[in-house]
Amino acid sequence: MEPLSENVEENLDRFIVEALETGCVWGLEGPEGFALCPSEDNDDVDVMPFWSQPEFAQAVCVDEWSVYKPVPVSLEEFLDEWVDGMHADILLVGINWTEELEGMEMEPLDLAEEFDSEMK
């Protein structure tokens, strides 16, 4: 499998294409629930990261993230329930972050619009 790009836009495109192909996205679940971390851009907001492949999610499960394991979330459930929930909770979505936890942070409803555009 080809590794993630240094280009966050490419990783976003890959996230959408692969999620549509497989029908799921991958989050990280640990003893306290799903992984959250502070936003790089806004100190008042947390980010919940998701990946298009379990291998990408597993790659960040080291050091303080070693308590997490990748879990699938069906794309239908993600778009129908998670997106609205994250928006209501004022969370951003992390998209296909690299092993260094670097990547795009998006407003959940903006991500849903990206999926809608790709599906049309």
PDB file of N, CA and C in Angstrom:
ATOM      1  N   MET A   1       0.852  -1.179   0.000  1.00  0.00           N
ATOM      2  CA  MET A   1       0.000   0.000   0.000  1.00  0.00           C
ATOM      3  C   MET A   1       0.897   1.241   0.000  1.00  0.00           C
ATOM      4  N   GLU A   2       0.510   2.199  -0.804  1.00  0.00           N
ATOM      5  CA  GLU A   2       1.275   3.437  -0.894  1.00  0.00           C
ATOM      6  C   GLU A   2       1.092   4.263   0.377  1.00  0.00           C
ATOM      7  N   PRO A   3       2.195   4.827   0.919  1.00  0.00           N
ATOM      8  CA  PRO A   3       2.062   5.625   2.146  1.00  0.00           C
ATOM      9  C   PRO A   3       1.303   6.926   1.891  1.00  0.00           C
ATOM     10  N   LEU A   4       0.903   7.547   2.982  1.00  0.00           N
ATOM     11  CA  LEU A   4       0.244   8.849   2.877  1.00  0.00           C
ATOM     12  C   LEU A   4       1.233   9.887   2.349  1.00  0.00           C
ATOM     13  N   SER A   5       0.688  10.892   1.723  1.00  0.00           N
ATOM     14  CA  SER A   5       1.482  11.963   1.124  1.00  0.00           C
ATOM     15  C   SER A   5       1.817  13.028   2.167  1.00  0.00           C
ATOM     16  N   GLU A   6       2.807  13.852   1.866  1.00  0.00           N
ATOM     17  CA  GLU A   6       3.072  15.033   2.677  1.00  0.00           C
ATOM     18  C   GLU A   6       2.054  16.129   2.354  1.00  0.00           C
ATOM     19  N   ASN A   7       1.314  15.956   1.253  1.00  0.00           N
ATOM     20  CA  ASN A   7       0.337  16.938   0.795  1.00  0.00           C
ATOM     21  C   ASN A   7      -1.025  16.625   1.426  1.00  0.00           C
ATOM     22  N   VAL A   8      -1.509  17.520   2.274  1.00  0.00           N
ATOM     23  CA  VAL A   8      -2.768  17.255   2.999  1.00  0.00           C
ATOM     24  C   VAL A   8      -3.966  17.185   2.066  1.00  0.00           C
ATOM     25  N   GLU A   9      -3.939  17.937   0.959  1.00  0.00           N
ATOM     26  CA  GLU A   9      -5.042  17.879  -0.005  1.00  0.00           C
ATOM     27  C   GLU A   9      -5.115  16.497  -0.665  1.00  0.00           C
ATOM     28  N   GLU A  10      -3.947  15.939  -1.010  1.00  0.00           N
ATOM     29  CA  GLU A  10      -3.912  14.585  -1.580  1.00  0.00           C
ATOM     30  C   GLU A  10      -4.449  13.575  -0.581  1.00  0.00           C
ATOM     31  N   ASN A  11      -4.088  13.741   0.691  1.00  0.00           N
ATOM     32  CA  ASN A  11      -4.564  12.810   1.722  1.00  0.00           C
ATOM     33  C   ASN A  11      -6.068  12.930   1.929  1.00  0.00           C
ATOM     34  N   LEU A  12      -6.609  14.138   1.788  1.00  0.00           N
ATOM     35  CA  LEU A  12      -8.067  14.324   1.857  1.00  0.00           C
ATOM     36  C   LEU A  12      -8.742  13.607   0.698  1.00  0.00           C
ATOM     37  N   ASP A  13      -8.236  13.813  -0.508  1.00  0.00           N
ATOM     38  CA  ASP A  13      -8.808  13.142  -1.680  1.00  0.00           C
ATOM     39  C   ASP A  13      -8.755  11.627  -1.512  1.00  0.00           C
ATOM     40  N   ARG A  14      -7.630  11.147  -1.027  1.00  0.00           N
ATOM     41  CA  ARG A  14      -7.475   9.704  -0.820  1.00  0.00           C
ATOM     42  C   ARG A  14      -8.459   9.198   0.236  1.00  0.00           C
ATOM     43  N   PHE A  15      -8.632   9.962   1.304  1.00  0.00           N
ATOM     44  CA  PHE A  15      -9.571   9.596   2.357  1.00  0.00           C
ATOM     45  C   PHE A  15     -10.967   9.392   1.771  1.00  0.00           C
ATOM     46  N   ILE A  16     -11.417  10.350   0.974  1.00  0.00           N
ATOM     47  CA  ILE A  16     -12.766  10.279   0.414  1.00  0.00           C
ATOM     48  C   ILE A  16     -12.904   9.113  -0.557  1.00  0.00           C
ATOM     49  N   VAL A  17     -11.961   8.980  -1.481  1.00  0.00           N
ATOM     50  CA  VAL A  17     -12.025   7.899  -2.476  1.00  0.00           C
ATOM     51  C   VAL A  17     -11.991   6.524  -1.796  1.00  0.00           C
ATOM     52  N   GLU A  18     -11.044   6.329  -0.881  1.00  0.00           N
ATOM     53  CA  GLU A  18     -10.922   5.017  -0.235  1.00  0.00           C
ATOM     54  C   GLU A  18     -12.089   4.723   0.698  1.00  0.00           C
ATOM     55  N   ALA A  19     -12.609   5.734   1.380  1.00  0.00           N
ATOM     56  CA  ALA A  19     -13.774   5.514   2.249  1.00  0.00           C
ATOM     57  C   ALA A  19     -14.988   5.111   1.420  1.00  0.00           C
ATOM     58  N   LEU A  20     -15.151   5.735   0.263  1.00  0.00           N
ATOM     59  CA  LEU A  20     -16.265   5.359  -0.614  1.00  0.00           C
ATOM     60  C   LEU A  20     -16.081   3.951  -1.163  1.00  0.00           C
ATOM     61  N   GLU A  21     -14.842   3.567  -1.471  1.00  0.00           N
ATOM     62  CA  GLU A  21     -14.566   2.220  -1.985  1.00  0.00           C
ATOM     63  C   GLU A  21     -14.816   1.146  -0.930  1.00  0.00           C
ATOM     64  N   THR A  22     -14.354   1.388   0.305  1.00  0.00           N
ATOM     65  CA  THR A  22     -14.441   0.353   1.347  1.00  0.00           C
ATOM     66  C   THR A  22     -15.727   0.432   2.161  1.00  0.00           C
ATOM     67  N   GLY A  23     -16.372   1.603   2.146  1.00  0.00           N
ATOM     68  CA  GLY A  23     -17.603   1.762   2.919  1.00  0.00           C
ATOM     69  C   GLY A  23     -17.378   2.011   4.392  1.00  0.00           C
ATOM     70  N   CYS A  24     -16.120   2.340   4.779  1.00  0.00           N
ATOM     71  CA  CYS A  24     -15.877   2.652   6.183  1.00  0.00           C
ATOM     72  C   CYS A  24     -14.691   3.594   6.329  1.00  0.00           C
ATOM     73  N   VAL A  25     -14.589   4.179   7.521  1.00  0.00           N
ATOM     74  CA  VAL A  25     -13.431   4.968   7.930  1.00  0.00           C
ATOM     75  C   VAL A  25     -12.940   4.346   9.233  1.00  0.00           C
ATOM     76  N   TRP A  26     -11.746   4.741   9.648  1.00  0.00           N
ATOM     77  CA  TRP A  26     -11.119   4.139  10.828  1.00  0.00           C
ATOM     78  C   TRP A  26     -10.801   5.207  11.860  1.00  0.00           C
ATOM     79  N   GLY A  27     -11.310   5.000  13.068  1.00  0.00           N
ATOM     80  CA  GLY A  27     -10.978   5.868  14.193  1.00  0.00           C
ATOM     81  C   GLY A  27     -10.124   5.104  15.179  1.00  0.00           C
ATOM     82  N   LEU A  28      -9.715   5.766  16.237  1.00  0.00           N
ATOM     83  CA  LEU A  28      -8.931   5.130  17.292  1.00  0.00           C
ATOM     84  C   LEU A  28      -9.727   5.126  18.580  1.00  0.00           C
ATOM     85  N   GLU A  29      -9.931   3.926  19.122  1.00  0.00           N
ATOM     86  CA  GLU A  29     -10.676   3.798  20.371  1.00  0.00           C
ATOM     87  C   GLU A  29      -9.751   3.283  21.459  1.00  0.00           C
ATOM     88  N   GLY A  30      -9.875   3.881  22.640  1.00  0.00           N
ATOM     89  CA  GLY A  30      -9.089   3.471  23.795  1.00  0.00           C
ATOM     90  C   GLY A  30      -9.975   3.325  25.010  1.00  0.00           C
ATOM     91  N   PRO A  31      -9.364   3.177  26.186  1.00  0.00           N
ATOM     92  CA  PRO A  31     -10.128   2.966  27.416  1.00  0.00           C
ATOM     93  C   PRO A  31     -11.106   4.103  27.731  1.00  0.00           C
ATOM     94  N   GLU A  32     -10.788   5.317  27.320  1.00  0.00           N
ATOM     95  CA  GLU A  32     -11.634   6.478  27.620  1.00  0.00           C
ATOM     96  C   GLU A  32     -12.548   6.856  26.464  1.00  0.00           C
ATOM     97  N   GLY A  33     -12.567   6.059  25.386  1.00  0.00           N
ATOM     98  CA  GLY A  33     -13.376   6.398  24.219  1.00  0.00           C
ATOM     99  C   GLY A  33     -12.483   6.684  23.020  1.00  0.00           C
ATOM    100  N   PHE A  34     -13.009   7.444  22.085  1.00  0.00           N
ATOM    101  CA  PHE A  34     -12.267   7.731  20.856  1.00  0.00           C
ATOM    102  C   PHE A  34     -11.206   8.806  21.095  1.00  0.00           C
ATOM    103  N   ALA A  35     -10.117   8.674  20.350  1.00  0.00           N
ATOM    104  CA  ALA A  35      -8.977   9.572  20.491  1.00  0.00           C
ATOM    105  C   ALA A  35      -9.354  11.004  20.124  1.00  0.00           C
ATOM    106  N   LEU A  36      -8.894  11.923  20.947  1.00  0.00           N
ATOM    107  CA  LEU A  36      -9.022  13.355  20.706  1.00  0.00           C
ATOM    108  C   LEU A  36      -7.670  13.996  20.996  1.00  0.00           C
ATOM    109  N   CYS A  37      -7.380  15.071  20.299  1.00  0.00           N
ATOM    110  CA  CYS A  37      -6.188  15.844  20.635  1.00  0.00           C
ATOM    111  C   CYS A  37      -6.457  17.306  20.317  1.00  0.00           C
ATOM    112  N   PRO A  38      -5.690  18.206  20.913  1.00  0.00           N
ATOM    113  CA  PRO A  38      -5.909  19.632  20.658  1.00  0.00           C
ATOM    114  C   PRO A  38      -5.626  19.986  19.201  1.00  0.00           C
ATOM    115  N   SER A  39      -6.378  20.936  18.704  1.00  0.00           N
ATOM    116  CA  SER A  39      -6.174  21.426  17.346  1.00  0.00           C
ATOM    117  C   SER A  39      -4.862  22.188  17.265  1.00  0.00           C
ATOM    118  N   GLU A  40      -4.187  22.052  16.137  1.00  0.00           N
ATOM    119  CA  GLU A  40      -2.980  22.842  15.881  1.00  0.00           C
ATOM    120  C   GLU A  40      -3.348  24.300  15.621  1.00  0.00           C
ATOM    121  N   ASP A  41      -4.553  24.534  15.110  1.00  0.00           N
ATOM    122  CA  ASP A  41      -4.956  25.861  14.661  1.00  0.00           C
ATOM    123  C   ASP A  41      -5.771  26.652  15.680  1.00  0.00           C
ATOM    124  N   ASN A  42      -6.422  25.948  16.623  1.00  0.00           N
ATOM    125  CA  ASN A  42      -7.332  26.618  17.542  1.00  0.00           C
ATOM    126  C   ASN A  42      -7.246  25.948  18.908  1.00  0.00           C
ATOM    127  N   ASP A  43      -6.707  26.670  19.880  1.00  0.00           N
ATOM    128  CA  ASP A  43      -6.498  26.104  21.216  1.00  0.00           C
ATOM    129  C   ASP A  43      -7.785  25.699  21.928  1.00  0.00           C
ATOM    130  N   ASP A  44      -8.918  26.227  21.473  1.00  0.00           N
ATOM    131  CA  ASP A  44     -10.184  25.962  22.144  1.00  0.00           C
ATOM    132  C   ASP A  44     -10.944  24.768  21.577  1.00  0.00           C
ATOM    133  N   VAL A  45     -10.375  24.099  20.568  1.00  0.00           N
ATOM    134  CA  VAL A  45     -11.086  23.034  19.867  1.00  0.00           C
ATOM    135  C   VAL A  45     -10.239  21.769  19.857  1.00  0.00           C
ATOM    136  N   ASP A  46     -10.909  20.628  19.999  1.00  0.00           N
ATOM    137  CA  ASP A  46     -10.236  19.337  19.873  1.00  0.00           C
ATOM    138  C   ASP A  46     -10.513  18.737  18.497  1.00  0.00           C
ATOM    139  N   VAL A  47      -9.651  17.811  18.125  1.00  0.00           N
ATOM    140  CA  VAL A  47      -9.759  17.130  16.834  1.00  0.00           C
ATOM    141  C   VAL A  47      -9.911  15.635  17.079  1.00  0.00           C
ATOM    142  N   MET A  48     -10.820  15.009  16.340  1.00  0.00           N
ATOM    143  CA  MET A  48     -10.976  13.557  16.360  1.00  0.00           C
ATOM    144  C   MET A  48     -10.470  13.033  15.015  1.00  0.00           C
ATOM    145  N   PRO A  49      -9.345  12.318  15.035  1.00  0.00           N
ATOM    146  CA  PRO A  49      -8.768  11.864  13.763  1.00  0.00           C
ATOM    147  C   PRO A  49      -9.428  10.592  13.221  1.00  0.00           C
ATOM    148  N   PHE A  50      -9.488  10.523  11.887  1.00  0.00           N
ATOM    149  CA  PHE A  50      -9.982   9.346  11.171  1.00  0.00           C
ATOM    150  C   PHE A  50      -9.083   9.084   9.975  1.00  0.00           C
ATOM    151  N   TRP A  51      -9.031   7.817   9.582  1.00  0.00           N
ATOM    152  CA  TRP A  51      -8.204   7.392   8.462  1.00  0.00           C
ATOM    153  C   TRP A  51      -9.014   6.550   7.489  1.00  0.00           C
ATOM    154  N   SER A  52      -8.487   6.449   6.273  1.00  0.00           N
ATOM    155  CA  SER A  52      -9.164   5.661   5.244  1.00  0.00           C
ATOM    156  C   SER A  52      -8.726   4.200   5.250  1.00  0.00           C
ATOM    157  N   GLN A  53      -7.644   3.879   5.963  1.00  0.00           N
ATOM    158  CA  GLN A  53      -7.129   2.511   6.023  1.00  0.00           C
ATOM    159  C   GLN A  53      -6.712   2.191   7.454  1.00  0.00           C
ATOM    160  N   PRO A  54      -6.924   0.952   7.898  1.00  0.00           N
ATOM    161  CA  PRO A  54      -6.545   0.605   9.274  1.00  0.00           C
ATOM    162  C   PRO A  54      -5.040   0.712   9.503  1.00  0.00           C
ATOM    163  N   GLU A  55      -4.229   0.463   8.479  1.00  0.00           N
ATOM    164  CA  GLU A  55      -2.773   0.536   8.630  1.00  0.00           C
ATOM    165  C   GLU A  55      -2.320   1.954   8.958  1.00  0.00           C
ATOM    166  N   PHE A  56      -3.000   2.950   8.366  1.00  0.00           N
ATOM    167  CA  PHE A  56      -2.645   4.340   8.646  1.00  0.00           C
ATOM    168  C   PHE A  56      -2.986   4.696  10.090  1.00  0.00           C
ATOM    169  N   ALA A  57      -4.129   4.215  10.553  1.00  0.00           N
ATOM    170  CA  ALA A  57      -4.539   4.471  11.938  1.00  0.00           C
ATOM    171  C   ALA A  57      -3.595   3.757  12.911  1.00  0.00           C
ATOM    172  N   GLN A  58      -3.243   2.520  12.594  1.00  0.00           N
ATOM    173  CA  GLN A  58      -2.356   1.743  13.469  1.00  0.00           C
ATOM    174  C   GLN A  58      -0.984   2.399  13.598  1.00  0.00           C
ATOM    175  N   ALA A  59      -0.540   3.062  12.549  1.00  0.00           N
ATOM    176  CA  ALA A  59       0.805   3.654  12.533  1.00  0.00           C
ATOM    177  C   ALA A  59       0.997   4.732  13.599  1.00  0.00           C
ATOM    178  N   VAL A  60      -0.082   5.358  14.060  1.00  0.00           N
ATOM    179  CA  VAL A  60       0.050   6.403  15.078  1.00  0.00           C
ATOM    180  C   VAL A  60      -0.119   5.864  16.498  1.00  0.00           C
ATOM    181  N   CYS A  61      -0.389   4.569  16.633  1.00  0.00           N
ATOM    182  CA  CYS A  61      -0.638   3.968  17.948  1.00  0.00           C
ATOM    183  C   CYS A  61       0.684   3.617  18.652  1.00  0.00           C
ATOM    184  N   VAL A  62       1.476   4.640  18.906  1.00  0.00           N
ATOM    185  CA  VAL A  62       2.758   4.478  19.601  1.00  0.00           C
ATOM    186  C   VAL A  62       2.831   5.494  20.730  1.00  0.00           C
ATOM    187  N   ASP A  63       3.761   5.266  21.630  1.00  0.00           N
ATOM    188  CA  ASP A  63       3.984   6.163  22.772  1.00  0.00           C
ATOM    189  C   ASP A  63       2.665   6.416  23.503  1.00  0.00           C
ATOM    190  N   GLU A  64       2.302   7.693  23.704  1.00  0.00           N
ATOM    191  CA  GLU A  64       1.082   7.978  24.475  1.00  0.00           C
ATOM    192  C   GLU A  64      -0.191   7.540  23.750  1.00  0.00           C
ATOM    193  N   TRP A  65      -0.085   7.248  22.450  1.00  0.00           N
ATOM    194  CA  TRP A  65      -1.239   6.772  21.685  1.00  0.00           C
ATOM    195  C   TRP A  65      -1.296   5.239  21.641  1.00  0.00           C
ATOM    196  N   SER A  66      -0.409   4.573  22.361  1.00  0.00           N
ATOM    197  CA  SER A  66      -0.375   3.106  22.307  1.00  0.00           C
ATOM    198  C   SER A  66      -1.590   2.466  22.989  1.00  0.00           C
ATOM    199  N   VAL A  67      -2.371   3.240  23.734  1.00  0.00           N
ATOM    200  CA  VAL A  67      -3.578   2.707  24.382  1.00  0.00           C
ATOM    201  C   VAL A  67      -4.739   2.571  23.399  1.00  0.00           C
ATOM    202  N   TYR A  68      -4.575   3.116  22.188  1.00  0.00           N
ATOM    203  CA  TYR A  68      -5.644   3.089  21.198  1.00  0.00           C
ATOM    204  C   TYR A  68      -5.490   1.950  20.214  1.00  0.00           C
ATOM    205  N   LYS A  69      -6.635   1.536  19.648  1.00  0.00           N
ATOM    206  CA  LYS A  69      -6.605   0.565  18.558  1.00  0.00           C
ATOM    207  C   LYS A  69      -7.561   1.031  17.465  1.00  0.00           C
ATOM    208  N   PRO A  70      -7.204   0.764  16.219  1.00  0.00           N
ATOM    209  CA  PRO A  70      -8.082   1.165  15.117  1.00  0.00           C
ATOM    210  C   PRO A  70      -9.396   0.396  15.145  1.00  0.00           C
ATOM    211  N   VAL A  71     -10.487   1.122  14.942  1.00  0.00           N
ATOM    212  CA  VAL A  71     -11.809   0.498  14.854  1.00  0.00           C
ATOM    213  C   VAL A  71     -12.545   1.081  13.646  1.00  0.00           C
ATOM    214  N   PRO A  72     -13.246   0.218  12.911  1.00  0.00           N
ATOM    215  CA  PRO A  72     -13.975   0.714  11.744  1.00  0.00           C
ATOM    216  C   PRO A  72     -15.289   1.374  12.146  1.00  0.00           C
ATOM    217  N   VAL A  73     -15.644   2.389  11.375  1.00  0.00           N
ATOM    218  CA  VAL A  73     -16.949   3.027  11.491  1.00  0.00           C
ATOM    219  C   VAL A  73     -17.519   3.035  10.077  1.00  0.00           C
ATOM    220  N   SER A  74     -18.705   2.471   9.914  1.00  0.00           N
ATOM    221  CA  SER A  74     -19.269   2.432   8.556  1.00  0.00           C
ATOM    222  C   SER A  74     -19.415   3.854   8.037  1.00  0.00           C
ATOM    223  N   LEU A  75     -19.185   4.012   6.752  1.00  0.00           N
ATOM    224  CA  LEU A  75     -19.255   5.343   6.151  1.00  0.00           C
ATOM    225  C   LEU A  75     -20.655   5.928   6.310  1.00  0.00           C
ATOM    226  N   GLU A  76     -21.669   5.091   6.169  1.00  0.00           N
ATOM    227  CA  GLU A  76     -23.050   5.561   6.332  1.00  0.00           C
ATOM    228  C   GLU A  76     -23.265   6.116   7.738  1.00  0.00           C
ATOM    229  N   GLU A  77     -22.823   5.379   8.751  1.00  0.00           N
ATOM    230  CA  GLU A  77     -22.966   5.842  10.136  1.00  0.00           C
ATOM    231  C   GLU A  77     -22.127   7.109  10.369  1.00  0.00           C
ATOM    232  N   PHE A  78     -20.920   7.132   9.810  1.00  0.00           N
ATOM    233  CA  PHE A  78     -20.037   8.284   9.959  1.00  0.00           C
ATOM    234  C   PHE A  78     -20.706   9.548   9.412  1.00  0.00           C
ATOM    235  N   LEU A  79     -21.246   9.441   8.194  1.00  0.00           N
ATOM    236  CA  LEU A  79     -21.856  10.612   7.554  1.00  0.00           C
ATOM    237  C   LEU A  79     -23.212  10.968   8.148  1.00  0.00           C
ATOM    238  N   ASP A  80     -24.001   9.952   8.555  1.00  0.00           N
ATOM    239  CA  ASP A  80     -25.353  10.201   9.058  1.00  0.00           C
ATOM    240  C   ASP A  80     -25.388  10.603  10.534  1.00  0.00           C
ATOM    241  N   GLU A  81     -24.415  10.114  11.332  1.00  0.00           N
ATOM    242  CA  GLU A  81     -24.479  10.342  12.772  1.00  0.00           C
ATOM    243  C   GLU A  81     -23.253  11.057  13.326  1.00  0.00           C
ATOM    244  N   TRP A  82     -22.073  10.557  12.986  1.00  0.00           N
ATOM    245  CA  TRP A  82     -20.846  11.100  13.572  1.00  0.00           C
ATOM    246  C   TRP A  82     -20.610  12.547  13.173  1.00  0.00           C
ATOM    247  N   VAL A  83     -20.813  12.876  11.909  1.00  0.00           N
ATOM    248  CA  VAL A  83     -20.543  14.233  11.431  1.00  0.00           C
ATOM    249  C   VAL A  83     -21.374  15.242  12.209  1.00  0.00           C
ATOM    250  N   ASP A  84     -22.673  14.995  12.335  1.00  0.00           N
ATOM    251  CA  ASP A  84     -23.535  15.915  13.087  1.00  0.00           C
ATOM    252  C   ASP A  84     -23.141  15.967  14.560  1.00  0.00           C
ATOM    253  N   GLY A  85     -22.786  14.806  15.117  1.00  0.00           N
ATOM    254  CA  GLY A  85     -22.368  14.762  16.523  1.00  0.00           C
ATOM    255  C   GLY A  85     -21.094  15.550  16.773  1.00  0.00           C
ATOM    256  N   MET A  86     -20.113  15.400  15.881  1.00  0.00           N
ATOM    257  CA  MET A  86     -18.863  16.144  16.037  1.00  0.00           C
ATOM    258  C   MET A  86     -19.109  17.642  15.869  1.00  0.00           C
ATOM    259  N   HIS A  87     -19.970  17.989  14.929  1.00  0.00           N
ATOM    260  CA  HIS A  87     -20.305  19.402  14.732  1.00  0.00           C
ATOM    261  C   HIS A  87     -20.965  19.962  15.992  1.00  0.00           C
ATOM    262  N   ALA A  88     -21.931  19.232  16.542  1.00  0.00           N
ATOM    263  CA  ALA A  88     -22.630  19.681  17.749  1.00  0.00           C
ATOM    264  C   ALA A  88     -21.668  19.799  18.942  1.00  0.00           C
ATOM    265  N   ASP A  89     -20.681  18.901  19.006  1.00  0.00           N
ATOM    266  CA  ASP A  89     -19.709  18.914  20.106  1.00  0.00           C
ATOM    267  C   ASP A  89     -18.560  19.893  19.864  1.00  0.00           C
ATOM    268  N   ILE A  90     -18.614  20.604  18.749  1.00  0.00           N
ATOM    269  CA  ILE A  90     -17.577  21.565  18.346  1.00  0.00           C
ATOM    270  C   ILE A  90     -16.214  20.879  18.284  1.00  0.00           C
ATOM    271  N   LEU A  91     -16.178  19.790  17.528  1.00  0.00           N
ATOM    272  CA  LEU A  91     -14.930  19.072  17.255  1.00  0.00           C
ATOM    273  C   LEU A  91     -14.585  19.224  15.781  1.00  0.00           C
ATOM    274  N   LEU A  92     -13.313  19.173  15.484  1.00  0.00           N
ATOM    275  CA  LEU A  92     -12.855  19.101  14.107  1.00  0.00           C
ATOM    276  C   LEU A  92     -12.542  17.651  13.774  1.00  0.00           C
ATOM    277  N   VAL A  93     -12.453  17.336  12.493  1.00  0.00           N
ATOM    278  CA  VAL A  93     -12.091  15.994  12.038  1.00  0.00           C
ATOM    279  C   VAL A  93     -10.665  16.050  11.509  1.00  0.00           C
ATOM    280  N   GLY A  94      -9.837  15.148  11.995  1.00  0.00           N
ATOM    281  CA  GLY A  94      -8.493  14.989  11.449  1.00  0.00           C
ATOM    282  C   GLY A  94      -8.560  13.979  10.311  1.00  0.00           C
ATOM    283  N   ILE A  95      -7.958  14.318   9.172  1.00  0.00           N
ATOM    284  CA  ILE A  95      -8.099  13.494   7.971  1.00  0.00           C
ATOM    285  C   ILE A  95      -6.774  12.846   7.598  1.00  0.00           C
ATOM    286  N   ASN A  96      -6.721  11.509   7.638  1.00  0.00           N
ATOM    287  CA  ASN A  96      -5.554  10.745   7.182  1.00  0.00           C
ATOM    288  C   ASN A  96      -4.239  11.358   7.661  1.00  0.00           C
ATOM    289  N   TRP A  97      -4.117  11.505   8.984  1.00  0.00           N
ATOM    290  CA  TRP A  97      -2.889  12.059   9.546  1.00  0.00           C
ATOM    291  C   TRP A  97      -1.721  11.110   9.333  1.00  0.00           C
ATOM    292  N   THR A  98      -0.550  11.689   9.195  1.00  0.00           N
ATOM    293  CA  THR A  98       0.675  10.901   9.045  1.00  0.00           C
ATOM    294  C   THR A  98       1.087  10.330  10.403  1.00  0.00           C
ATOM    295  N   GLU A  99       2.140   9.522  10.394  1.00  0.00           N
ATOM    296  CA  GLU A  99       2.654   8.942  11.638  1.00  0.00           C
ATOM    297  C   GLU A  99       3.094  10.018  12.625  1.00  0.00           C
ATOM    298  N   GLU A 100       3.422  11.202  12.119  1.00  0.00           N
ATOM    299  CA  GLU A 100       3.824  12.320  12.969  1.00  0.00           C
ATOM    300  C   GLU A 100       2.616  13.113  13.472  1.00  0.00           C
ATOM    301  N   LEU A 101       1.408  12.584  13.249  1.00  0.00           N
ATOM    302  CA  LEU A 101       0.151  13.243  13.639  1.00  0.00           C
ATOM    303  C   LEU A 101       0.001  14.591  12.952  1.00  0.00           C
ATOM    304  N   GLU A 102       0.421  14.643  11.702  1.00  0.00           N
ATOM    305  CA  GLU A 102       0.291  15.866  10.920  1.00  0.00           C
ATOM    306  C   GLU A 102      -0.707  15.634   9.801  1.00  0.00           C
ATOM    307  N   GLY A 103      -1.550  16.633   9.587  1.00  0.00           N
ATOM    308  CA  GLY A 103      -2.521  16.535   8.514  1.00  0.00           C
ATOM    309  C   GLY A 103      -3.611  17.562   8.651  1.00  0.00           C
ATOM    310  N   MET A 104      -4.600  17.410   7.805  1.00  0.00           N
ATOM    311  CA  MET A 104      -5.694  18.369   7.719  1.00  0.00           C
ATOM    312  C   MET A 104      -6.649  18.234   8.901  1.00  0.00           C
ATOM    313  N   GLU A 105      -7.160  19.396   9.337  1.00  0.00           N
ATOM    314  CA  GLU A 105      -8.236  19.469  10.324  1.00  0.00           C
ATOM    315  C   GLU A 105      -9.396  20.174   9.621  1.00  0.00           C
ATOM    316  N   MET A 106     -10.577  19.553   9.658  1.00  0.00           N
ATOM    317  CA  MET A 106     -11.736  20.113   8.956  1.00  0.00           C
ATOM    318  C   MET A 106     -12.951  20.193   9.853  1.00  0.00           C
ATOM    319  N   GLU A 107     -13.805  21.158   9.566  1.00  0.00           N
ATOM    320  CA  GLU A 107     -15.126  21.211  10.190  1.00  0.00           C
ATOM    321  C   GLU A 107     -15.903  20.006   9.653  1.00  0.00           C
ATOM    322  N   PRO A 108     -16.564  19.238  10.501  1.00  0.00           N
ATOM    323  CA  PRO A 108     -17.259  18.032  10.042  1.00  0.00           C
ATOM    324  C   PRO A 108     -18.238  18.254   8.893  1.00  0.00           C
ATOM    325  N   LEU A 109     -18.988  19.354   8.925  1.00  0.00           N
ATOM    326  CA  LEU A 109     -19.957  19.590   7.851  1.00  0.00           C
ATOM    327  C   LEU A 109     -19.262  19.888   6.522  1.00  0.00           C
ATOM    328  N   ASP A 110     -18.073  20.496   6.576  1.00  0.00           N
ATOM    329  CA  ASP A 110     -17.301  20.713   5.344  1.00  0.00           C
ATOM    330  C   ASP A 110     -16.849  19.378   4.753  1.00  0.00           C
ATOM    331  N   LEU A 111     -16.471  18.444   5.624  1.00  0.00           N
ATOM    332  CA  LEU A 111     -16.085  17.113   5.146  1.00  0.00           C
ATOM    333  C   LEU A 111     -17.278  16.413   4.504  1.00  0.00           C
ATOM    334  N   ALA A 112     -18.447  16.534   5.114  1.00  0.00           N
ATOM    335  CA  ALA A 112     -19.654  15.925   4.543  1.00  0.00           C
ATOM    336  C   ALA A 112     -19.933  16.491   3.151  1.00  0.00           C
ATOM    337  N   GLU A 113     -19.707  17.790   2.969  1.00  0.00           N
ATOM    338  CA  GLU A 113     -19.895  18.402   1.653  1.00  0.00           C
ATOM    339  C   GLU A 113     -18.907  17.839   0.633  1.00  0.00           C
ATOM    340  N   GLU A 114     -17.681  17.572   1.078  1.00  0.00           N
ATOM    341  CA  GLU A 114     -16.674  16.965   0.174  1.00  0.00           C
ATOM    342  C   GLU A 114     -17.167  15.587  -0.295  1.00  0.00           C
ATOM    343  N   PHE A 115     -17.722  14.807   0.624  1.00  0.00           N
ATOM    344  CA  PHE A 115     -18.264  13.493   0.254  1.00  0.00           C
ATOM    345  C   PHE A 115     -19.432  13.646  -0.713  1.00  0.00           C
ATOM    346  N   ASP A 116     -20.322  14.597  -0.424  1.00  0.00           N
ATOM    347  CA  ASP A 116     -21.473  14.827  -1.312  1.00  0.00           C
ATOM    348  C   ASP A 116     -21.013  15.176  -2.713  1.00  0.00           C
ATOM    349  N   SER A 117     -20.012  16.040  -2.831  1.00  0.00           N
ATOM    350  CA  SER A 117     -19.494  16.440  -4.148  1.00  0.00           C
ATOM    351  C   SER A 117     -18.920  15.248  -4.889  1.00  0.00           C
ATOM    352  N   GLU A 118     -18.187  14.403  -4.179  1.00  0.00           N
ATOM    353  CA  GLU A 118     -17.559  13.235  -4.817  1.00  0.00           C
ATOM    354  C   GLU A 118     -18.607  12.211  -5.242  1.00  0.00           C
ATOM    355  N   MET A 119     -19.709  12.096  -4.510  1.00  0.00           N
ATOM    356  CA  MET A 119     -20.729  11.094  -4.819  1.00  0.00           C
ATOM    357  C   MET A 119     -21.626  11.513  -5.972  1.00  0.00           C
ATOM    358  N   LYS A 120     -21.586  12.798  -6.339  1.00  0.00           N
ATOM    359  CA  LYS A 120     -22.453  13.271  -7.433  1.00  0.00           C
ATOM    360  C   LYS A 120     -21.812  13.055  -8.782  1.00  0.00           C
TER     361      LYS A 120
END
